Amino acid sequence: MPKALANYEESIKSPETRKTYDKFLKHFLAYSEVTPDQLIKMKTSQIEELIISHIVKLKKRVEAQDLSPNSFNVAIAPIQLS
């Protein structure tokens, strides 16, 4: 198991939090069209671009009232944790 993934899993204590974070991390990976293994091998600048693009998409969803503003930070948390 890659160190980043092990650190991610170890830092989440609550099963419910893990379930929620996993859901939003899967959304990020699907949006980015990469696997965790591919993401780990990417350059930092490429990862930053993916994250910024994803944040912009989430902000647009909040503005369109397709995503609760309260969910925004939860959607970003697993990315920060990874």
PDB file of N, CA and C in Angstrom:
ATOM      1  N   MET A   1       0.857  -1.179   0.000  1.00  0.00           N
ATOM      2  CA  MET A   1       0.000   0.000   0.000  1.00  0.00           C
ATOM      3  C   MET A   1       0.900   1.238   0.000  1.00  0.00           C
ATOM      4  N   PRO A   2       0.655   2.188  -0.923  1.00  0.00           N
ATOM      5  CA  PRO A   2       1.451   3.406  -0.942  1.00  0.00           C
ATOM      6  C   PRO A   2       1.347   4.156   0.389  1.00  0.00           C
ATOM      7  N   LYS A   3       2.433   4.817   0.759  1.00  0.00           N
ATOM      8  CA  LYS A   3       2.489   5.527   2.034  1.00  0.00           C
ATOM      9  C   LYS A   3       1.377   6.573   2.153  1.00  0.00           C
ATOM     10  N   ALA A   4       1.127   7.310   1.081  1.00  0.00           N
ATOM     11  CA  ALA A   4       0.097   8.345   1.123  1.00  0.00           C
ATOM     12  C   ALA A   4      -1.273   7.747   1.438  1.00  0.00           C
ATOM     13  N   LEU A   5      -1.575   6.615   0.835  1.00  0.00           N
ATOM     14  CA  LEU A   5      -2.857   5.960   1.077  1.00  0.00           C
ATOM     15  C   LEU A   5      -2.937   5.414   2.501  1.00  0.00           C
ATOM     16  N   ALA A   6      -1.835   4.867   2.979  1.00  0.00           N
ATOM     17  CA  ALA A   6      -1.797   4.364   4.349  1.00  0.00           C
ATOM     18  C   ALA A   6      -1.992   5.501   5.339  1.00  0.00           C
ATOM     19  N   ASN A   7      -1.341   6.632   5.105  1.00  0.00           N
ATOM     20  CA  ASN A   7      -1.505   7.798   5.984  1.00  0.00           C
ATOM     21  C   ASN A   7      -2.945   8.301   5.953  1.00  0.00           C
ATOM     22  N   TYR A   8      -3.533   8.323   4.767  1.00  0.00           N
ATOM     23  CA  TYR A   8      -4.928   8.757   4.609  1.00  0.00           C
ATOM     24  C   TYR A   8      -5.852   7.873   5.447  1.00  0.00           C
ATOM     25  N   GLU A   9      -5.719   6.565   5.288  1.00  0.00           N
ATOM     26  CA  GLU A   9      -6.596   5.643   6.000  1.00  0.00           C
ATOM     27  C   GLU A   9      -6.367   5.670   7.513  1.00  0.00           C
ATOM     28  N   GLU A  10      -5.124   5.815   7.917  1.00  0.00           N
ATOM     29  CA  GLU A  10      -4.796   5.821   9.341  1.00  0.00           C
ATOM     30  C   GLU A  10      -5.314   7.076  10.044  1.00  0.00           C
ATOM     31  N   SER A  11      -5.403   8.171   9.320  1.00  0.00           N
ATOM     32  CA  SER A  11      -5.795   9.430   9.948  1.00  0.00           C
ATOM     33  C   SER A  11      -7.306   9.565  10.154  1.00  0.00           C
ATOM     34  N   ILE A  12      -8.081   8.694   9.548  1.00  0.00           N
ATOM     35  CA  ILE A  12      -9.541   8.753   9.684  1.00  0.00           C
ATOM     36  C   ILE A  12      -9.981   7.714  10.707  1.00  0.00           C
ATOM     37  N   LYS A  13     -10.499   8.175  11.821  1.00  0.00           N
ATOM     38  CA  LYS A  13     -10.881   7.267  12.905  1.00  0.00           C
ATOM     39  C   LYS A  13     -12.327   6.779  12.788  1.00  0.00           C
ATOM     40  N   SER A  14     -13.221   7.675  12.429  1.00  0.00           N
ATOM     41  CA  SER A  14     -14.647   7.355  12.399  1.00  0.00           C
ATOM     42  C   SER A  14     -15.022   6.608  11.110  1.00  0.00           C
ATOM     43  N   PRO A  15     -15.744   5.499  11.233  1.00  0.00           N
ATOM     44  CA  PRO A  15     -16.202   4.777  10.031  1.00  0.00           C
ATOM     45  C   PRO A  15     -17.103   5.638   9.137  1.00  0.00           C
ATOM     46  N   GLU A  16     -17.919   6.477   9.746  1.00  0.00           N
ATOM     47  CA  GLU A  16     -18.811   7.339   8.958  1.00  0.00           C
ATOM     48  C   GLU A  16     -18.023   8.409   8.206  1.00  0.00           C
ATOM     49  N   THR A  17     -17.017   8.971   8.863  1.00  0.00           N
ATOM     50  CA  THR A  17     -16.165   9.955   8.199  1.00  0.00           C
ATOM     51  C   THR A  17     -15.423   9.293   7.056  1.00  0.00           C
ATOM     52  N   ARG A  18     -14.896   8.096   7.276  1.00  0.00           N
ATOM     53  CA  ARG A  18     -14.185   7.374   6.225  1.00  0.00           C
ATOM     54  C   ARG A  18     -15.103   7.144   5.016  1.00  0.00           C
ATOM     55  N   LYS A  19     -16.341   6.764   5.281  1.00  0.00           N
ATOM     56  CA  LYS A  19     -17.300   6.512   4.203  1.00  0.00           C
ATOM     57  C   LYS A  19     -17.537   7.791   3.381  1.00  0.00           C
ATOM     58  N   THR A  20     -17.733   8.898   4.081  1.00  0.00           N
ATOM     59  CA  THR A  20     -17.975  10.179   3.409  1.00  0.00           C
ATOM     60  C   THR A  20     -16.743  10.630   2.635  1.00  0.00           C
ATOM     61  N   TYR A  21     -15.582  10.572   3.267  1.00  0.00           N
ATOM     62  CA  TYR A  21     -14.342  10.979   2.606  1.00  0.00           C
ATOM     63  C   TYR A  21     -14.058  10.100   1.394  1.00  0.00           C
ATOM     64  N   ASP A  22     -14.267   8.804   1.531  1.00  0.00           N
ATOM     65  CA  ASP A  22     -14.035   7.900   0.402  1.00  0.00           C
ATOM     66  C   ASP A  22     -14.927   8.265  -0.784  1.00  0.00           C
ATOM     67  N   LYS A  23     -16.162   8.615  -0.492  1.00  0.00           N
ATOM     68  CA  LYS A  23     -17.112   8.993  -1.544  1.00  0.00           C
ATOM     69  C   LYS A  23     -16.599  10.219  -2.297  1.00  0.00           C
ATOM     70  N   PHE A  24     -16.177  11.241  -1.549  1.00  0.00           N
ATOM     71  CA  PHE A  24     -15.722  12.466  -2.197  1.00  0.00           C
ATOM     72  C   PHE A  24     -14.359  12.290  -2.861  1.00  0.00           C
ATOM     73  N   LEU A  25     -13.507  11.438  -2.327  1.00  0.00           N
ATOM     74  CA  LEU A  25     -12.229  11.164  -2.975  1.00  0.00           C
ATOM     75  C   LEU A  25     -12.456  10.434  -4.297  1.00  0.00           C
ATOM     76  N   LYS A  26     -13.415   9.517  -4.319  1.00  0.00           N
ATOM     77  CA  LYS A  26     -13.761   8.818  -5.564  1.00  0.00           C
ATOM     78  C   LYS A  26     -14.302   9.802  -6.599  1.00  0.00           C
ATOM     79  N   HIS A  27     -15.093  10.789  -6.144  1.00  0.00           N
ATOM     80  CA  HIS A  27     -15.598  11.819  -7.058  1.00  0.00           C
ATOM     81  C   HIS A  27     -14.436  12.593  -7.676  1.00  0.00           C
ATOM     82  N   PHE A  28     -13.460  12.950  -6.838  1.00  0.00           N
ATOM     83  CA  PHE A  28     -12.295  13.689  -7.334  1.00  0.00           C
ATOM     84  C   PHE A  28     -11.522  12.852  -8.358  1.00  0.00           C
ATOM     85  N   LEU A  29     -11.290  11.602  -8.042  1.00  0.00           N
ATOM     86  CA  LEU A  29     -10.541  10.735  -8.952  1.00  0.00           C
ATOM     87  C   LEU A  29     -11.298  10.529 -10.268  1.00  0.00           C
ATOM     88  N   ALA A  30     -12.603  10.354 -10.174  1.00  0.00           N
ATOM     89  CA  ALA A  30     -13.415  10.190 -11.386  1.00  0.00           C
ATOM     90  C   ALA A  30     -13.384  11.467 -12.231  1.00  0.00           C
ATOM     91  N   TYR A  31     -13.519  12.606 -11.556  1.00  0.00           N
ATOM     92  CA  TYR A  31     -13.464  13.886 -12.266  1.00  0.00           C
ATOM     93  C   TYR A  31     -12.104  14.054 -12.946  1.00  0.00           C
ATOM     94  N   SER A  32     -11.051  13.679 -12.245  1.00  0.00           N
ATOM     95  CA  SER A  32      -9.684  13.839 -12.747  1.00  0.00           C
ATOM     96  C   SER A  32      -9.307  12.764 -13.770  1.00  0.00           C
ATOM     97  N   GLU A  33     -10.097  11.701 -13.810  1.00  0.00           N
ATOM     98  CA  GLU A  33      -9.856  10.573 -14.713  1.00  0.00           C
ATOM     99  C   GLU A  33      -8.485   9.948 -14.478  1.00  0.00           C
ATOM    100  N   VAL A  34      -8.146   9.763 -13.191  1.00  0.00           N
ATOM    101  CA  VAL A  34      -6.889   9.107 -12.814  1.00  0.00           C
ATOM    102  C   VAL A  34      -7.164   8.094 -11.708  1.00  0.00           C
ATOM    103  N   THR A  35      -6.283   7.132 -11.608  1.00  0.00           N
ATOM    104  CA  THR A  35      -6.346   6.177 -10.502  1.00  0.00           C
ATOM    105  C   THR A  35      -5.444   6.708  -9.383  1.00  0.00           C
ATOM    106  N   PRO A  36      -5.592   6.192  -8.167  1.00  0.00           N
ATOM    107  CA  PRO A  36      -4.683   6.621  -7.095  1.00  0.00           C
ATOM    108  C   PRO A  36      -3.212   6.390  -7.456  1.00  0.00           C
ATOM    109  N   ASP A  37      -2.903   5.264  -8.102  1.00  0.00           N
ATOM    110  CA  ASP A  37      -1.520   4.989  -8.498  1.00  0.00           C
ATOM    111  C   ASP A  37      -1.011   6.021  -9.510  1.00  0.00           C
ATOM    112  N   GLN A  38      -1.857   6.396 -10.444  1.00  0.00           N
ATOM    113  CA  GLN A  38      -1.459   7.408 -11.427  1.00  0.00           C
ATOM    114  C   GLN A  38      -1.262   8.762 -10.748  1.00  0.00           C
ATOM    115  N   LEU A  39      -2.145   9.086  -9.817  1.00  0.00           N
ATOM    116  CA  LEU A  39      -2.068  10.366  -9.118  1.00  0.00           C
ATOM    117  C   LEU A  39      -0.765  10.489  -8.336  1.00  0.00           C
ATOM    118  N   ILE A  40      -0.366   9.429  -7.680  1.00  0.00           N
ATOM    119  CA  ILE A  40       0.855   9.441  -6.873  1.00  0.00           C
ATOM    120  C   ILE A  40       2.089   9.689  -7.749  1.00  0.00           C
ATOM    121  N   LYS A  41       2.039   9.242  -8.992  1.00  0.00           N
ATOM    122  CA  LYS A  41       3.190   9.380  -9.887  1.00  0.00           C
ATOM    123  C   LYS A  41       3.236  10.719 -10.626  1.00  0.00           C
ATOM    124  N   MET A  42       2.192  11.520 -10.490  1.00  0.00           N
ATOM    125  CA  MET A  42       2.128  12.788 -11.218  1.00  0.00           C
ATOM    126  C   MET A  42       3.028  13.842 -10.580  1.00  0.00           C
ATOM    127  N   LYS A  43       3.397  14.813 -11.394  1.00  0.00           N
ATOM    128  CA  LYS A  43       4.165  15.952 -10.900  1.00  0.00           C
ATOM    129  C   LYS A  43       3.256  16.812 -10.021  1.00  0.00           C
ATOM    130  N   THR A  44       3.867  17.488  -9.082  1.00  0.00           N
ATOM    131  CA  THR A  44       3.110  18.341  -8.163  1.00  0.00           C
ATOM    132  C   THR A  44       2.284  19.375  -8.923  1.00  0.00           C
ATOM    133  N   SER A  45       2.852  19.968  -9.949  1.00  0.00           N
ATOM    134  CA  SER A  45       2.142  20.994 -10.713  1.00  0.00           C
ATOM    135  C   SER A  45       0.896  20.422 -11.395  1.00  0.00           C
ATOM    136  N   GLN A  46       0.970  19.174 -11.859  1.00  0.00           N
ATOM    137  CA  GLN A  46      -0.195  18.535 -12.487  1.00  0.00           C
ATOM    138  C   GLN A  46      -1.287  18.281 -11.452  1.00  0.00           C
ATOM    139  N   ILE A  47      -0.880  17.841 -10.273  1.00  0.00           N
ATOM    140  CA  ILE A  47      -1.847  17.582  -9.209  1.00  0.00           C
ATOM    141  C   ILE A  47      -2.516  18.885  -8.786  1.00  0.00           C
ATOM    142  N   GLU A  48      -1.727  19.944  -8.674  1.00  0.00           N
ATOM    143  CA  GLU A  48      -2.290  21.250  -8.312  1.00  0.00           C
ATOM    144  C   GLU A  48      -3.341  21.693  -9.323  1.00  0.00           C
ATOM    145  N   GLU A  49      -3.046  21.498 -10.613  1.00  0.00           N
ATOM    146  CA  GLU A  49      -4.006  21.863 -11.665  1.00  0.00           C
ATOM    147  C   GLU A  49      -5.308  21.072 -11.520  1.00  0.00           C
ATOM    148  N   LEU A  50      -5.196  19.773 -11.247  1.00  0.00           N
ATOM    149  CA  LEU A  50      -6.390  18.946 -11.063  1.00  0.00           C
ATOM    150  C   LEU A  50      -7.211  19.430  -9.873  1.00  0.00           C
ATOM    151  N   ILE A  51      -6.529  19.732  -8.781  1.00  0.00           N
ATOM    152  CA  ILE A  51      -7.229  20.172  -7.567  1.00  0.00           C
ATOM    153  C   ILE A  51      -7.921  21.507  -7.803  1.00  0.00           C
ATOM    154  N   ILE A  52      -7.223  22.453  -8.417  1.00  0.00           N
ATOM    155  CA  ILE A  52      -7.826  23.761  -8.690  1.00  0.00           C
ATOM    156  C   ILE A  52      -9.030  23.618  -9.599  1.00  0.00           C
ATOM    157  N   SER A  53      -8.895  22.804 -10.628  1.00  0.00           N
ATOM    158  CA  SER A  53     -10.009  22.573 -11.547  1.00  0.00           C
ATOM    159  C   SER A  53     -11.201  21.956 -10.819  1.00  0.00           C
ATOM    160  N   HIS A  54     -10.916  21.013  -9.943  1.00  0.00           N
ATOM    161  CA  HIS A  54     -11.982  20.364  -9.172  1.00  0.00           C
ATOM    162  C   HIS A  54     -12.667  21.353  -8.230  1.00  0.00           C
ATOM    163  N   ILE A  55     -11.893  22.209  -7.587  1.00  0.00           N
ATOM    164  CA  ILE A  55     -12.457  23.220  -6.683  1.00  0.00           C
ATOM    165  C   ILE A  55     -13.354  24.187  -7.451  1.00  0.00           C
ATOM    166  N   VAL A  56     -12.908  24.598  -8.622  1.00  0.00           N
ATOM    167  CA  VAL A  56     -13.728  25.493  -9.458  1.00  0.00           C
ATOM    168  C   VAL A  56     -15.048  24.805  -9.804  1.00  0.00           C
ATOM    169  N   LYS A  57     -14.977  23.522 -10.155  1.00  0.00           N
ATOM    170  CA  LYS A  57     -16.199  22.774 -10.485  1.00  0.00           C
ATOM    171  C   LYS A  57     -17.130  22.710  -9.282  1.00  0.00           C
ATOM    172  N   LEU A  58     -16.572  22.455  -8.105  1.00  0.00           N
ATOM    173  CA  LEU A  58     -17.395  22.388  -6.897  1.00  0.00           C
ATOM    174  C   LEU A  58     -18.035  23.736  -6.583  1.00  0.00           C
ATOM    175  N   LYS A  59     -17.274  24.817  -6.751  1.00  0.00           N
ATOM    176  CA  LYS A  59     -17.825  26.158  -6.501  1.00  0.00           C
ATOM    177  C   LYS A  59     -18.985  26.445  -7.443  1.00  0.00           C
ATOM    178  N   LYS A  60     -18.853  26.035  -8.695  1.00  0.00           N
ATOM    179  CA  LYS A  60     -19.945  26.226  -9.656  1.00  0.00           C
ATOM    180  C   LYS A  60     -21.165  25.419  -9.250  1.00  0.00           C
ATOM    181  N   ARG A  61     -20.949  24.214  -8.716  1.00  0.00           N
ATOM    182  CA  ARG A  61     -22.072  23.396  -8.242  1.00  0.00           C
ATOM    183  C   ARG A  61     -22.758  24.053  -7.052  1.00  0.00           C
ATOM    184  N   VAL A  62     -21.984  24.675  -6.182  1.00  0.00           N
ATOM    185  CA  VAL A  62     -22.558  25.387  -5.035  1.00  0.00           C
ATOM    186  C   VAL A  62     -23.380  26.577  -5.538  1.00  0.00           C
ATOM    187  N   GLU A  63     -22.817  27.338  -6.474  1.00  0.00           N
ATOM    188  CA  GLU A  63     -23.525  28.489  -7.038  1.00  0.00           C
ATOM    189  C   GLU A  63     -24.814  28.064  -7.735  1.00  0.00           C
ATOM    190  N   ALA A  64     -24.814  26.906  -8.373  1.00  0.00           N
ATOM    191  CA  ALA A  64     -26.000  26.395  -9.059  1.00  0.00           C
ATOM    192  C   ALA A  64     -26.951  25.693  -8.091  1.00  0.00           C
ATOM    193  N   GLN A  65     -26.582  25.690  -6.824  1.00  0.00           N
ATOM    194  CA  GLN A  65     -27.351  25.043  -5.760  1.00  0.00           C
ATOM    195  C   GLN A  65     -27.509  23.543  -6.009  1.00  0.00           C
ATOM    196  N   ASP A  66     -26.518  22.971  -6.671  1.00  0.00           N
ATOM    197  CA  ASP A  66     -26.465  21.535  -6.908  1.00  0.00           C
ATOM    198  C   ASP A  66     -25.679  20.833  -5.801  1.00  0.00           C
ATOM    199  N   LEU A  67     -24.964  21.641  -5.003  1.00  0.00           N
ATOM    200  CA  LEU A  67     -24.167  21.141  -3.886  1.00  0.00           C
ATOM    201  C   LEU A  67     -24.325  22.116  -2.735  1.00  0.00           C
ATOM    202  N   SER A  68     -24.578  21.598  -1.566  1.00  0.00           N
ATOM    203  CA  SER A  68     -24.731  22.447  -0.388  1.00  0.00           C
ATOM    204  C   SER A  68     -23.412  23.136  -0.065  1.00  0.00           C
ATOM    205  N   PRO A  69     -23.457  24.418   0.274  1.00  0.00           N
ATOM    206  CA  PRO A  69     -22.231  25.104   0.685  1.00  0.00           C
ATOM    207  C   PRO A  69     -21.562  24.408   1.876  1.00  0.00           C
ATOM    208  N   ASN A  70     -22.359  23.770   2.709  1.00  0.00           N
ATOM    209  CA  ASN A  70     -21.808  23.052   3.863  1.00  0.00           C
ATOM    210  C   ASN A  70     -21.042  21.798   3.443  1.00  0.00           C
ATOM    211  N   SER A  71     -21.323  21.278   2.272  1.00  0.00           N
ATOM    212  CA  SER A  71     -20.646  20.085   1.774  1.00  0.00           C
ATOM    213  C   SER A  71     -19.315  20.409   1.099  1.00  0.00           C
ATOM    214  N   PHE A  72     -19.106  21.668   0.773  1.00  0.00           N
ATOM    215  CA  PHE A  72     -17.905  22.052   0.039  1.00  0.00           C
ATOM    216  C   PHE A  72     -16.631  21.654   0.790  1.00  0.00           C
ATOM    217  N   ASN A  73     -16.532  22.030   2.057  1.00  0.00           N
ATOM    218  CA  ASN A  73     -15.328  21.701   2.830  1.00  0.00           C
ATOM    219  C   ASN A  73     -15.165  20.191   3.004  1.00  0.00           C
ATOM    220  N   VAL A  74     -16.272  19.488   3.136  1.00  0.00           N
ATOM    221  CA  VAL A  74     -16.206  18.031   3.268  1.00  0.00           C
ATOM    222  C   VAL A  74     -15.717  17.413   1.958  1.00  0.00           C
ATOM    223  N   ALA A  75     -16.095  18.000   0.837  1.00  0.00           N
ATOM    224  CA  ALA A  75     -15.667  17.485  -0.468  1.00  0.00           C
ATOM    225  C   ALA A  75     -14.169  17.699  -0.692  1.00  0.00           C
ATOM    226  N   ILE A  76     -13.621  18.735  -0.089  1.00  0.00           N
ATOM    227  CA  ILE A  76     -12.204  19.057  -0.250  1.00  0.00           C
ATOM    228  C   ILE A  76     -11.341  18.327   0.781  1.00  0.00           C
ATOM    229  N   ALA A  77     -11.888  18.019   1.930  1.00  0.00           N
ATOM    230  CA  ALA A  77     -11.115  17.431   3.039  1.00  0.00           C
ATOM    231  C   ALA A  77     -10.332  16.177   2.667  1.00  0.00           C
ATOM    232  N   PRO A  78     -10.920  15.205   1.963  1.00  0.00           N
ATOM    233  CA  PRO A  78     -10.121  14.007   1.654  1.00  0.00           C
ATOM    234  C   PRO A  78      -8.971  14.287   0.702  1.00  0.00           C
ATOM    235  N   ILE A  79      -9.105  15.314  -0.119  1.00  0.00           N
ATOM    236  CA  ILE A  79      -8.013  15.684  -1.017  1.00  0.00           C
ATOM    237  C   ILE A  79      -6.877  16.299  -0.199  1.00  0.00           C
ATOM    238  N   GLN A  80      -7.225  17.145   0.755  1.00  0.00           N
ATOM    239  CA  GLN A  80      -6.226  17.746   1.624  1.00  0.00           C
ATOM    240  C   GLN A  80      -5.528  16.673   2.454  1.00  0.00           C
ATOM    241  N   LEU A  81      -6.276  15.705   2.871  1.00  0.00           N
ATOM    242  CA  LEU A  81      -5.748  14.648   3.731  1.00  0.00           C
ATOM    243  C   LEU A  81      -4.802  13.736   2.958  1.00  0.00           C
ATOM    244  N   SER A  82      -5.078  13.561   1.679  1.00  0.00           N
ATOM    245  CA  SER A  82      -4.241  12.682   0.859  1.00  0.00           C
ATOM    246  C   SER A  82      -2.959  13.347   0.633  1.00  0.00           C
TER     247      SER A  82
END
